[in-house]
């Protein structure tokens, strides 16, 4: 089993001030990272914008964990969120003790796009996509071919998604819900395929996996909303039933009281002779 380990994290950027001062702080971060990382065999990449940092650390597990512990103590950022961590078969940044990427407008746009997709919530960023973004930017900024490196976690995700089951759950809770649009199908790669075809297939596979994860999250969110609505409706129905039973009980008691009162009046009325109960005549009234 390989000791190679990968950790991807994001955090809130607390660097403020003139651009020159911020650049100096970032350069200090990079110099310290490159010096310390070389000592423990850690490689990776870092990028930041006005709102957040994103970084990948790769190397022996002990070195990655020690580096990350040091990073967490740095007061120049906050809300450090681990997006992905675990063993990996190969390095994505083997030649960079710490590459600094994303300085171009295109790189910043990609990072901002990922942040916008997550609702600017660090906990919802996708670790695989952050890794791929940083790797692609390193390749571009170094003028190298942009190959696709799939983290080991991605391969496990392929069999972990159960979108069919999720849709079935929605159908049970909300039968009238519209069926979601078909998901893109991943193109399997072939061992004998040319390099260009393999890379294209991996690009499509990566996009399909990202779409599956996004769709699964959306479906889970819909299920949660439907369950909340169902529970709320059941509570309202229960309250209506309780009110109905209360008023039905009161109506029965009122009816019983009216019957008892009527029976009491009948029992208290004196008996009258039919002959004396005749109405008075005009003559008797005159008298």
Foldseek 3Di string as FASTA:
>chain_A
DDQKKKWKKKWFFQDDDDPVVSVVVVVVVQVVQLVLLVVQVKFWEWEDDNTMIIIMIIDGPVSRVVVVVVVQPDPRTDPIGIQDMDHWDDDLGNPGSYHYFQPDPVSVVLVVVQCVVQVVDRNSRHRQSSRLSRSQRVCVVVVHDNAGDGTPVLVVLVVVQDVVVLVVLCCVLPVPDDDDDDQDDQDDDDPPDDPVVNRVSVVSSVVRSVRSVVVVVVSVVVSVVSVVVVVVVVVVVVVVVVVVVVVVVVVVVVVVVVVVVVVVVVVPDDDDDPVVPDDDDPVVVVD
